[in-house]
Amino acid sequence: IVDESIGYKRYVKVYQRSVEFASDPPTTVSYDIVGHDRVFTQVVPYCTSTSTFALVREYVQGADDFLFLFPGGAFEPEKHRSVLHAAQAELSEEARLTSGKWHSLLTGDQPAI
């Protein structure tokens, strides 16, 4: 990375990044990268007795349409005790479901349940 700046910041950040690749001659490519400083949860509710998943229908700004998605949302330290608590709250708020067994789908230092 030879240069990086924030081009836009609100709910998400758009980083303007230039990367130099070791080629002959060296090539520099510029990218726009969307990111954020927050931890988000994504819940994959699965019912073992019916072998079905639960989806919620909600408005998606980028698509400008209502889509079916898994429940999820941001971890807010002032509101949630942990990332697991945030995931449970999102499942309850968006799908009106309460939890059974919780399994992490990521391993290592990924902040996800």
Protein backbone atom coordinates (compact mmCIF):
# COMPACT_ATOMS: atom_id res chain seq x y z
CA ILE A 1 0.00 0.00 0.00
CA VAL A 2 1.58 3.25 -1.10
CA ASP A 3 -1.27 5.57 -0.16
CA GLU A 4 -4.59 5.38 1.67
CA SER A 5 -7.12 8.00 2.66
CA ILE A 6 -10.76 8.11 3.68
CA GLY A 7 -12.83 9.44 0.81
CA TYR A 8 -16.18 9.23 2.58
CA LYS A 9 -17.30 8.50 6.13
CA ARG A 10 -20.75 8.09 7.62
CA TYR A 11 -22.24 4.68 8.48
CA VAL A 12 -19.47 3.06 6.47
CA LYS A 13 -16.12 4.35 5.25
CA VAL A 14 -14.90 4.41 1.68
CA TYR A 15 -11.12 4.17 1.62
CA GLN A 16 -9.19 5.31 -1.43
CA ARG A 17 -6.18 3.00 -1.58
CA SER A 18 -3.25 2.83 -4.00
CA VAL A 19 -1.28 -0.40 -4.16
CA GLU A 20 2.02 -0.90 -5.95
CA PHE A 21 2.64 -4.34 -7.42
CA ALA A 22 6.17 -5.70 -7.88
CA SER A 23 6.15 -6.12 -11.63
CA ASP A 24 8.53 -4.95 -14.32
CA PRO A 25 7.90 -2.05 -14.49
CA PRO A 26 6.15 -1.61 -11.09
CA THR A 27 2.41 -1.06 -11.46
CA THR A 28 0.30 1.09 -9.15
CA VAL A 29 -3.46 0.44 -9.02
CA SER A 30 -6.06 2.52 -7.18
CA TYR A 31 -9.06 0.95 -5.43
CA ASP A 32 -12.14 2.13 -3.55
CA ILE A 33 -12.69 -0.11 -0.51
CA VAL A 34 -15.84 -0.06 1.61
CA GLY A 35 -15.31 -0.80 5.29
CA HIS A 36 -16.33 0.11 8.80
CA ASP A 37 -15.02 0.19 12.37
CA ARG A 38 -17.87 -1.82 13.86
CA VAL A 39 -18.36 -5.51 14.60
CA PHE A 40 -21.45 -7.03 13.00
CA THR A 41 -23.33 -10.22 13.74
CA GLN A 42 -24.96 -12.55 11.27
CA VAL A 43 -27.31 -15.25 12.57
CA VAL A 44 -28.09 -18.39 10.57
CA PRO A 45 -31.23 -19.76 12.26
CA TYR A 46 -31.71 -23.43 11.42
CA CYS A 47 -34.55 -25.62 12.65
CA THR A 48 -33.39 -29.23 13.01
CA SER A 49 -36.92 -30.64 13.26
CA THR A 50 -38.00 -29.21 9.88
CA SER A 51 -34.56 -28.87 8.24
CA THR A 52 -35.31 -25.24 7.33
CA PHE A 53 -33.63 -21.88 7.71
CA ALA A 54 -35.36 -18.70 8.90
CA LEU A 55 -34.99 -15.56 6.79
CA VAL A 56 -36.23 -12.02 7.34
CA ARG A 57 -37.43 -9.65 4.63
CA GLU A 58 -36.00 -6.17 5.00
CA TYR A 59 -35.06 -3.12 2.97
CA VAL A 60 -31.48 -3.17 1.63
CA GLN A 61 -30.18 0.30 0.81
CA GLY A 62 -27.59 -0.78 -1.77
CA ALA A 63 -30.14 -2.80 -3.76
CA ASP A 64 -32.92 -0.26 -3.14
CA ASP A 65 -35.27 -3.18 -2.65
CA PHE A 66 -36.70 -5.55 -0.06
CA LEU A 67 -34.68 -8.79 0.10
CA PHE A 68 -34.70 -11.99 2.15
CA LEU A 69 -31.69 -12.17 4.47
CA PHE A 70 -30.42 -13.88 7.58
CA PRO A 71 -30.96 -11.73 10.71
CA GLY A 72 -28.00 -9.62 11.73
CA GLY A 73 -26.82 -6.28 12.96
CA ALA A 74 -24.15 -4.30 14.75
CA PHE A 75 -22.59 -5.07 18.11
CA GLU A 76 -23.01 -1.94 20.23
CA PRO A 77 -20.96 -2.02 23.47
CA GLU A 78 -23.35 0.43 25.16
CA LYS A 79 -26.31 -1.83 24.38
CA HIS A 80 -24.93 -5.40 24.32
CA ARG A 81 -22.92 -7.37 26.88
CA SER A 82 -21.11 -9.37 24.17
CA VAL A 83 -21.18 -10.24 20.47
CA LEU A 84 -23.29 -13.29 21.38
CA HIS A 85 -25.77 -11.02 23.20
CA ALA A 86 -25.94 -8.80 20.08
CA ALA A 87 -26.64 -11.85 17.89
CA GLN A 88 -29.38 -13.04 20.26
CA ALA A 89 -30.94 -9.57 20.33
CA GLU A 90 -30.94 -9.32 16.52
CA LEU A 91 -32.55 -12.77 16.20
CA SER A 92 -35.26 -11.74 18.66
CA GLU A 93 -35.84 -8.26 17.15
CA GLU A 94 -35.81 -9.21 13.48
CA ALA A 95 -37.16 -12.78 13.38
CA ARG A 96 -39.10 -12.91 16.67
CA LEU A 97 -37.18 -16.07 17.54
CA THR A 98 -35.34 -17.11 20.67
CA SER A 99 -32.28 -19.21 20.63
CA GLY A 100 -31.69 -22.89 21.03
CA LYS A 101 -28.08 -23.98 20.62
CA TRP A 102 -25.51 -21.45 19.42
CA HIS A 103 -22.51 -22.50 17.33
CA SER A 104 -19.72 -20.25 16.10
CA LEU A 105 -19.26 -20.49 12.34
CA LEU A 106 -15.84 -18.83 12.47
CA THR A 107 -12.73 -19.83 14.37
CA GLY A 108 -9.71 -18.02 15.68
CA ASP A 109 -9.80 -14.31 16.42
CA GLN A 110 -12.85 -13.56 14.28
CA PRO A 111 -15.40 -11.67 16.44
CA ALA A 112 -18.38 -13.76 15.40
CA ILE A 113 -20.79 -16.25 16.93
